[in-house]
Amino acid sequence: MSTTLNTDCAIVGGGPAGLVLALALVRRGIRVVVLEKHADFLRDFRGDTIHPSTQDLLVQFGLLDEFLTRPHDDMARATFSWYGTELTLADFTRLPTRRKVMTFMPQWDFLDLIADAASRHPGFTLLREARVDGPIRDGDRIVGVTGTAPDGEVSVYARLVVDASGRDSDIRAAAGLAPKGVASAMDVLWFRIVKTAGERYPFIQAGSGLIITIDRGDFFQIAHVIPAGTWRGTDADLAAMKDRIARISPSMAASVSRVVTSDVRLLRVRLERLRRWFTDGMLCMGDSAHAMSPAGGVGINLAIQDAVATARILGPVLREGIPTPADLRRVQRRRNWPTRITQFVQRRMQGPLLAERESDAPLPFVLRMLRDHSRLTHVTGRFIGLGARPERL
């Protein structure tokens, strides 16, 4: 079977950026079709952090109370353990936001919340298991996308196509948009360990590498940050990983000792961004426009802020007609500066935090400053919790 749909905006990718943009647009009476290649949102490789600025957006959407009924944990201060020395990395308690906490919620629950809210509007369509094959062109302009869904081929014609499908976007490449990369110093090893009753770990532990622990109820999701290119998946690599973790966090050693090589997934970190985020008829945002490192956990926040700015700038245009390249350029101009400053800070964080140091080595300079000058933790709390340029609907 072949299906043809006509809409105002076709969004490729049902992640945080794509669904928040969809919700912001359908609330304005703009028709939206979201094409999501998976059947559901249940995937491990997603961040769980919901920033204070994002929670303020949920207030504006009228969704905060519903959000708080779903399983979540709040963190008023991001703690950091350096070989057992406890520090505060970021303090959110003085932010000018409704909730002065970083909230952890499985991203599938957050995406379900946003998709459910969007589905209450008549102009919203979510196509699951819809793999986008390429753009539809009218001359040099992109006027839609073609894809394959469970019921057959689908063609979606739209006034605007937005690519929110991530750093490995195929449609971005098909549209002739290529990112420029900045060498990243880190990779991430991603695996689970069993959680016992009452067991807790600091959010971030550091020494010879970083350990980020996400509590997912009945297990811990571990992100172990290592120097780029040092993992090949051999038994020797696994033994070295376990040794590093045991030195950084001795209490975690027993649980990690049961991890086997097949349990570990390698996530290659890329710091890159598009020189130009758009072509006639199509706009990129989120990781498709600027891939971030996990440093600071700000990638989700940045992508959602992109979505809000896009809806605010292009919503009125989509209600009246077809966005021009000049309209799309306005979005990039609005969001380009926070992207550049965030990536700059991430690059500067990588080296000091990944340097090999013994447990009796002095604290790195940045950590000594945070320890000795508590006001700086409110600065880092603002940068992480709000972002470089927070957006409003």
Protein backbone atom coordinates (compact mmCIF):
# COMPACT_ATOMS: atom_id res chain seq x y z
CA MET A 1 0.00 0.00 0.00
CA SER A 2 1.04 3.60 -0.55
CA THR A 3 -0.14 6.48 1.64
CA THR A 4 0.12 10.20 0.94
CA LEU A 5 -0.27 12.80 3.69
CA ASN A 6 -0.34 16.57 3.49
CA THR A 7 0.58 18.64 6.51
CA ASP A 8 2.12 21.94 7.56
CA CYS A 9 5.26 20.53 9.20
CA ALA A 10 6.86 17.08 8.88
CA ILE A 11 9.25 16.25 11.72
CA VAL A 12 11.77 13.43 11.28
CA GLY A 13 12.56 11.88 14.67
CA GLY A 14 10.45 11.43 17.79
CA GLY A 15 13.03 12.40 20.38
CA PRO A 16 12.80 15.30 22.86
CA ALA A 17 13.43 17.99 20.24
CA GLY A 18 11.00 16.57 17.68
CA LEU A 19 8.13 15.93 20.06
CA VAL A 20 8.48 19.22 21.96
CA LEU A 21 8.43 21.07 18.63
CA ALA A 22 5.36 19.09 17.57
CA LEU A 23 3.52 19.94 20.79
CA ALA A 24 4.44 23.62 20.56
CA LEU A 25 3.19 23.79 16.96
CA VAL A 26 -0.08 21.86 17.30
CA ARG A 27 -1.03 24.09 20.23
CA ARG A 28 -0.92 26.95 17.68
CA GLY A 29 -3.26 25.10 15.33
CA ILE A 30 -0.48 23.96 12.99
CA ARG A 31 -0.74 20.46 11.56
CA VAL A 32 2.25 18.22 12.31
CA VAL A 33 3.30 14.72 11.27
CA VAL A 34 6.14 13.12 13.26
CA LEU A 35 7.93 10.17 11.67
CA GLU A 36 9.59 7.94 14.29
CA LYS A 37 11.52 4.91 13.07
CA HIS A 38 10.98 2.83 16.23
CA ALA A 39 7.78 1.23 17.51
CA ASP A 40 8.15 2.82 20.96
CA PHE A 41 10.48 5.00 23.01
CA LEU A 42 12.03 2.16 25.06
CA ARG A 43 15.71 2.51 24.25
CA ASP A 44 18.67 2.61 26.61
CA PHE A 45 20.85 5.15 24.87
CA ARG A 46 18.99 8.22 26.05
CA GLY A 47 19.70 10.74 28.76
CA ASP A 48 17.34 10.94 31.71
CA THR A 49 17.98 14.51 32.86
CA ILE A 50 15.09 16.97 32.78
CA HIS A 51 16.57 20.40 33.47
CA PRO A 52 14.96 23.15 35.54
CA SER A 53 14.44 25.24 32.38
CA THR A 54 12.66 22.31 30.72
CA GLN A 55 10.41 21.99 33.76
CA ASP A 56 9.54 25.69 33.42
CA LEU A 57 8.50 24.91 29.84
CA LEU A 58 6.29 22.12 31.18
CA VAL A 59 4.62 24.76 33.37
CA GLN A 60 3.92 26.81 30.23
CA PHE A 61 2.56 23.71 28.50
CA GLY A 62 0.35 22.99 31.52
CA LEU A 63 2.04 19.62 32.00
CA LEU A 64 4.08 20.00 35.19
CA ASP A 65 1.55 18.32 37.50
CA GLU A 66 1.18 15.39 35.10
CA PHE A 67 4.96 15.19 34.77
CA LEU A 68 5.37 14.91 38.55
CA THR A 69 2.97 11.95 38.74
CA ARG A 70 5.42 9.85 36.72
CA PRO A 71 8.38 8.05 38.32
CA HIS A 72 11.20 10.52 38.91
CA ASP A 73 14.00 11.58 41.25
CA ASP A 74 15.01 15.15 42.06
CA MET A 75 18.51 16.48 42.64
CA ALA A 76 19.00 19.98 44.07
CA ARG A 77 22.78 19.74 43.82
CA ALA A 78 24.87 17.69 41.41
CA THR A 79 27.44 15.88 43.53
CA PHE A 80 30.88 14.90 42.36
CA SER A 81 33.17 12.37 44.00
CA TRP A 82 36.92 12.55 43.33
CA TYR A 83 38.44 9.31 44.64
CA GLY A 84 35.94 9.49 47.52
CA THR A 85 36.23 13.25 48.17
CA GLU A 86 32.68 14.62 47.91
CA LEU A 87 32.20 17.95 46.11
CA THR A 88 29.27 19.93 44.74
CA LEU A 89 29.59 20.37 40.99
CA ALA A 90 26.43 22.44 40.43
CA ASP A 91 23.87 23.96 42.79
CA PHE A 92 20.37 24.57 41.39
CA THR A 93 18.77 25.97 44.55
CA ARG A 94 19.04 29.63 43.52
CA LEU A 95 17.76 29.35 39.96
CA PRO A 96 14.87 31.64 38.94
CA THR A 97 12.73 28.64 38.04
CA ARG A 98 9.57 27.02 39.42
CA ARG A 99 11.42 23.87 40.46
CA LYS A 100 15.01 24.37 41.52
CA VAL A 101 16.10 20.80 40.88
CA MET A 102 17.46 18.59 38.16
CA THR A 103 14.96 15.78 37.69
CA PHE A 104 15.79 12.27 36.53
CA MET A 105 13.06 10.48 34.60
CA PRO A 106 13.48 7.64 32.10
CA GLN A 107 13.34 9.38 28.77
CA TRP A 108 10.71 7.00 27.45
CA ASP A 109 8.37 8.24 30.20
CA PHE A 110 9.10 11.87 29.32
CA LEU A 111 8.53 11.23 25.60
CA ASP A 112 5.27 9.41 26.33
CA LEU A 113 4.14 12.46 28.32
CA ILE A 114 4.87 14.86 25.46
CA ALA A 115 3.40 12.57 22.79
CA ASP A 116 0.22 12.05 24.84
CA ALA A 117 -0.17 15.81 25.28
CA ALA A 118 0.32 16.43 21.54
CA SER A 119 -2.18 13.68 20.65
CA ARG A 120 -4.91 15.64 22.44
CA HIS A 121 -4.75 18.16 19.56
CA PRO A 122 -6.46 17.29 16.25
CA GLY A 123 -3.53 18.38 14.08
CA PHE A 124 -1.02 15.86 15.47
CA THR A 125 -0.05 12.60 13.77
CA LEU A 126 2.68 10.26 15.06
CA LEU A 127 3.79 7.59 12.59
CA ARG A 128 5.67 4.87 14.44
CA GLU A 129 7.99 2.40 12.69
CA ALA A 130 8.26 4.91 9.86
CA ARG A 131 11.74 4.88 8.36
CA VAL A 132 12.42 7.99 6.29
CA ASP A 133 14.04 7.12 2.97
CA GLY A 134 14.70 10.57 1.57
CA PRO A 135 13.42 14.04 0.76
CA ILE A 136 10.80 14.94 -1.83
CA ARG A 137 11.95 17.84 -3.99
CA ASP A 138 10.25 20.39 -6.19
CA GLY A 139 13.21 21.76 -8.08
CA ASP A 140 15.76 22.80 -5.47
CA ARG A 141 13.24 23.01 -2.64
CA ILE A 142 12.40 20.16 -0.26
CA VAL A 143 8.63 19.77 -0.05
CA GLY A 144 8.33 16.57 2.00
CA VAL A 145 9.77 13.16 2.74
CA THR A 146 9.23 9.59 1.62
CA GLY A 147 9.41 6.65 3.96
CA THR A 148 8.43 3.09 4.71
CA ALA A 149 5.90 2.23 7.41
CA PRO A 150 4.40 -1.11 8.49
CA ASP A 151 1.52 -0.66 6.03
CA GLY A 152 3.77 0.23 3.11
CA GLU A 153 5.26 3.30 1.52
CA VAL A 154 4.34 6.74 2.83
CA SER A 155 4.84 10.18 1.34
CA VAL A 156 4.43 13.23 3.55
CA TYR A 157 4.17 16.61 1.83
CA ALA A 158 4.77 19.63 4.07
CA ARG A 159 5.45 23.36 4.02
CA LEU A 160 8.48 22.62 6.19
CA VAL A 161 10.54 19.53 6.99
CA VAL A 162 12.39 19.55 10.32
CA ASP A 163 15.13 17.01 10.89
CA ALA A 164 15.41 16.05 14.56
CA SER A 165 16.68 12.53 13.94
CA GLY A 166 20.08 12.86 15.59
CA ARG A 167 23.76 12.97 14.80
CA ASP A 168 23.64 10.10 12.29
CA SER A 169 20.85 11.60 10.22
CA ASP A 170 20.41 10.14 6.74
CA ILE A 171 18.03 12.82 5.50
CA ARG A 172 20.49 15.51 6.52
CA ALA A 173 23.10 13.92 4.29
CA ALA A 174 20.56 13.50 1.47
CA ALA A 175 19.78 17.21 1.74
CA GLY A 176 23.48 18.02 1.24
CA LEU A 177 24.15 19.25 4.78
CA ALA A 178 27.37 17.98 6.35
CA PRO A 179 28.65 18.81 9.85
CA LYS A 180 32.13 20.02 10.64
CA GLY A 181 33.70 18.09 13.46
CA VAL A 182 35.78 19.04 16.45
CA ALA A 183 38.02 16.29 17.79
CA SER A 184 36.52 14.76 20.92
CA ALA A 185 38.73 13.49 23.69
CA MET A 186 36.23 10.98 25.07
CA ASP A 187 34.17 7.88 24.41
CA VAL A 188 31.53 6.36 26.66
CA LEU A 189 31.15 2.73 27.79
CA TRP A 190 27.48 2.03 28.54
CA PHE A 191 26.33 -0.92 30.67
CA ARG A 192 24.08 -1.95 33.56
CA ILE A 193 24.83 -3.27 37.02
CA VAL A 194 22.47 -4.89 39.52
CA LYS A 195 21.04 -2.67 42.24
CA THR A 196 20.59 -3.97 45.79
CA ALA A 197 18.16 -2.51 48.32
CA GLY A 198 19.34 0.82 49.71
CA GLU A 199 22.38 1.01 47.44
CA ARG A 200 23.29 4.48 46.14
CA TYR A 201 26.22 6.09 44.34
CA PRO A 202 27.16 9.72 43.67
CA PHE A 203 25.84 10.97 40.33
CA ILE A 204 29.40 11.55 39.08
CA GLN A 205 32.58 9.85 40.31
CA ALA A 206 35.96 10.71 38.89
CA GLY A 207 39.60 9.77 38.94
CA SER A 208 41.16 8.06 35.94
CA GLY A 209 38.03 8.64 33.91
CA LEU A 210 34.43 9.40 34.90
CA ILE A 211 31.60 7.20 36.16
CA ILE A 212 28.08 8.58 35.73
CA THR A 213 25.40 6.58 37.54
CA ILE A 214 21.73 6.76 36.54
CA ASP A 215 19.34 5.09 38.98
CA ARG A 216 16.62 3.34 36.96
CA GLY A 217 14.78 1.73 39.84
CA ASP A 218 15.79 -1.92 39.74
CA PHE A 219 19.22 -1.39 38.18
CA PHE A 220 21.92 1.23 37.70
CA GLN A 221 22.73 2.44 34.20
CA ILE A 222 26.45 3.22 34.08
CA ALA A 223 28.18 5.58 31.67
CA HIS A 224 31.94 5.22 32.04
CA VAL A 225 33.75 8.01 30.23
CA ILE A 226 37.17 7.08 28.87
CA PRO A 227 39.78 8.66 26.56
CA ALA A 228 38.74 8.42 22.92
CA GLY A 229 39.96 5.41 20.96
CA THR A 230 41.07 3.34 23.96
CA TRP A 231 38.32 0.67 23.83
CA ARG A 232 38.53 -2.18 21.32
CA GLY A 233 36.31 -4.64 23.17
CA THR A 234 39.05 -7.13 24.11
CA ASP A 235 39.32 -9.05 27.36
CA ALA A 236 42.28 -6.87 28.26
CA ASP A 237 40.16 -3.73 27.72
CA LEU A 238 37.44 -5.15 29.96
CA ALA A 239 39.95 -5.97 32.70
CA ALA A 240 41.41 -2.46 32.45
CA MET A 241 37.91 -0.96 32.71
CA LYS A 242 37.14 -2.95 35.85
CA ASP A 243 40.45 -1.94 37.38
CA ARG A 244 39.79 1.76 36.67
CA ILE A 245 36.30 1.61 38.15
CA ALA A 246 37.59 -0.22 41.25
CA ARG A 247 40.13 2.56 41.82
CA ILE A 248 37.60 5.34 41.29
CA SER A 249 34.74 3.67 43.20
CA PRO A 250 35.80 0.67 45.33
CA SER A 251 32.21 0.08 46.47
CA MET A 252 31.16 -0.49 42.85
CA ALA A 253 33.90 -3.04 42.12
CA ALA A 254 31.96 -6.15 43.14
CA SER A 255 28.97 -5.32 40.92
CA VAL A 256 31.16 -4.40 37.95
CA SER A 257 33.17 -7.61 38.31
CA ARG A 258 30.14 -9.52 36.92
CA VAL A 259 30.04 -7.45 33.71
CA VAL A 260 31.19 -9.30 30.58
CA THR A 261 32.35 -7.83 27.29
CA SER A 262 29.00 -8.42 25.56
CA ASP A 263 27.28 -6.27 28.23
CA VAL A 264 29.28 -3.18 27.24
CA ARG A 265 28.32 -0.86 24.41
CA LEU A 266 30.70 1.75 23.06
CA LEU A 267 29.25 5.19 22.35
CA ARG A 268 31.64 7.31 20.33
CA VAL A 269 31.37 10.94 21.37
CA ARG A 270 31.35 13.56 18.65
CA LEU A 271 31.47 17.32 18.98
CA GLU A 272 30.27 18.74 15.69
CA ARG A 273 27.84 21.22 14.21
CA LEU A 274 26.49 22.24 10.86
CA ARG A 275 27.89 25.36 9.26
CA ARG A 276 24.40 25.93 7.87
CA TRP A 277 21.40 24.38 9.63
CA PHE A 278 18.97 24.62 6.74
CA THR A 279 18.31 24.33 3.07
CA ASP A 280 15.24 25.59 1.23
CA GLY A 281 12.29 23.72 2.80
CA MET A 282 14.20 21.91 5.57
CA LEU A 283 15.66 22.84 8.97
CA CYS A 284 17.91 20.77 11.24
CA MET A 285 17.88 21.10 15.03
CA GLY A 286 19.09 19.25 18.11
CA ASP A 287 21.83 16.68 17.54
CA SER A 288 21.19 16.84 13.81
CA ALA A 289 22.43 20.44 13.87
CA HIS A 290 24.97 20.13 16.69
CA ALA A 291 26.15 16.88 18.27
CA MET A 292 27.19 17.39 21.88
CA SER A 293 29.36 15.45 24.30
CA PRO A 294 27.85 14.12 27.56
CA ALA A 295 29.85 16.69 29.57
CA GLY A 296 27.37 18.54 31.75
CA GLY A 297 24.44 16.49 30.47
CA VAL A 298 23.20 19.53 28.54
CA GLY A 299 22.49 18.01 25.12
CA ILE A 300 18.81 17.32 25.83
CA ASN A 301 18.28 20.78 27.24
CA LEU A 302 19.90 22.40 24.22
CA ALA A 303 17.77 20.36 21.80
CA ILE A 304 14.54 21.27 23.61
CA GLN A 305 15.50 24.94 23.61
CA ASP A 306 16.05 24.64 19.83
CA ALA A 307 12.53 23.26 19.48
CA VAL A 308 10.94 26.06 21.50
CA ALA A 309 12.77 28.76 19.55
CA THR A 310 11.80 27.09 16.26
CA ALA A 311 8.12 27.02 17.21
CA ARG A 312 8.14 30.62 18.38
CA ILE A 313 9.92 31.94 15.28
CA LEU A 314 8.36 29.76 12.58
CA GLY A 315 4.91 29.12 14.07
CA PRO A 316 3.42 32.40 12.83
CA VAL A 317 5.03 31.85 9.41
CA LEU A 318 3.61 28.32 9.08
CA ARG A 319 0.11 29.56 9.89
CA GLU A 320 0.26 31.99 6.98
CA GLY A 321 2.42 30.35 4.34
CA ILE A 322 5.74 28.70 3.52
CA PRO A 323 8.92 29.52 5.48
CA THR A 324 11.65 31.00 3.35
CA PRO A 325 15.38 30.35 3.80
CA ALA A 326 15.55 33.75 5.51
CA ASP A 327 12.99 32.54 8.07
CA LEU A 328 15.03 29.38 8.71
CA ARG A 329 18.19 31.46 9.05
CA ARG A 330 16.52 33.35 11.92
CA VAL A 331 16.32 30.11 13.91
CA GLN A 332 20.00 29.35 13.36
CA ARG A 333 20.99 32.89 14.33
CA ARG A 334 18.98 32.58 17.53
CA ARG A 335 20.42 29.21 18.54
CA ASN A 336 23.92 29.32 17.07
CA TRP A 337 25.53 31.31 19.90
CA PRO A 338 24.34 29.03 22.77
CA THR A 339 25.50 26.03 20.73
CA ARG A 340 28.98 27.45 20.18
CA ILE A 341 29.49 28.54 23.79
CA THR A 342 28.25 25.19 25.12
CA GLN A 343 30.57 23.21 22.87
CA PHE A 344 33.46 25.49 23.83
CA VAL A 345 32.86 24.77 27.54
CA GLN A 346 32.54 21.05 26.84
CA ARG A 347 35.85 20.98 25.00
CA ARG A 348 37.56 22.75 27.89
CA MET A 349 36.09 20.27 30.40
CA GLN A 350 37.27 17.15 28.62
CA GLY A 351 41.02 17.28 29.15
CA PRO A 352 41.21 18.00 32.91
CA LEU A 353 38.55 15.46 33.81
CA LEU A 354 40.07 12.61 31.76
CA ALA A 355 43.71 13.09 32.71
CA GLU A 356 45.31 10.08 34.39
CA ARG A 357 45.87 10.83 38.07
CA GLU A 358 46.61 8.64 41.04
CA SER A 359 44.27 8.64 44.03
CA ASP A 360 46.74 10.63 46.15
CA ALA A 361 47.19 13.33 43.48
CA PRO A 362 45.90 16.84 44.34
CA LEU A 363 42.47 17.90 43.13
CA PRO A 364 42.47 19.43 39.64
CA PHE A 365 42.36 23.21 39.63
CA VAL A 366 38.71 23.44 38.51
CA LEU A 367 37.57 21.14 41.32
CA ARG A 368 39.62 23.05 43.89
CA MET A 369 37.90 26.26 42.80
CA LEU A 370 34.46 24.67 43.20
CA ARG A 371 35.44 23.31 46.61
CA ASP A 372 36.88 26.58 47.90
CA HIS A 373 34.41 29.03 46.34
CA SER A 374 30.87 27.76 46.79
CA ARG A 375 29.40 30.63 44.80
CA LEU A 376 30.91 29.09 41.68
CA THR A 377 28.60 26.09 42.10
CA HIS A 378 25.65 28.44 41.52
CA VAL A 379 27.32 29.58 38.27
CA THR A 380 27.71 25.99 37.07
CA GLY A 381 24.16 25.29 38.28
CA ARG A 382 22.88 28.12 36.12
CA PHE A 383 24.85 27.01 33.06
CA ILE A 384 23.69 23.38 33.37
CA GLY A 385 20.18 24.06 34.65
CA LEU A 386 19.20 26.93 32.33
CA GLY A 387 21.64 26.76 29.43
CA ALA A 388 23.39 29.61 27.69
CA ARG A 389 20.15 31.06 26.30
CA PRO A 390 16.94 29.66 27.81
CA GLU A 391 13.84 29.96 25.65
CA ARG A 392 10.18 30.58 26.41
CA LEU A 393 7.09 29.67 24.43
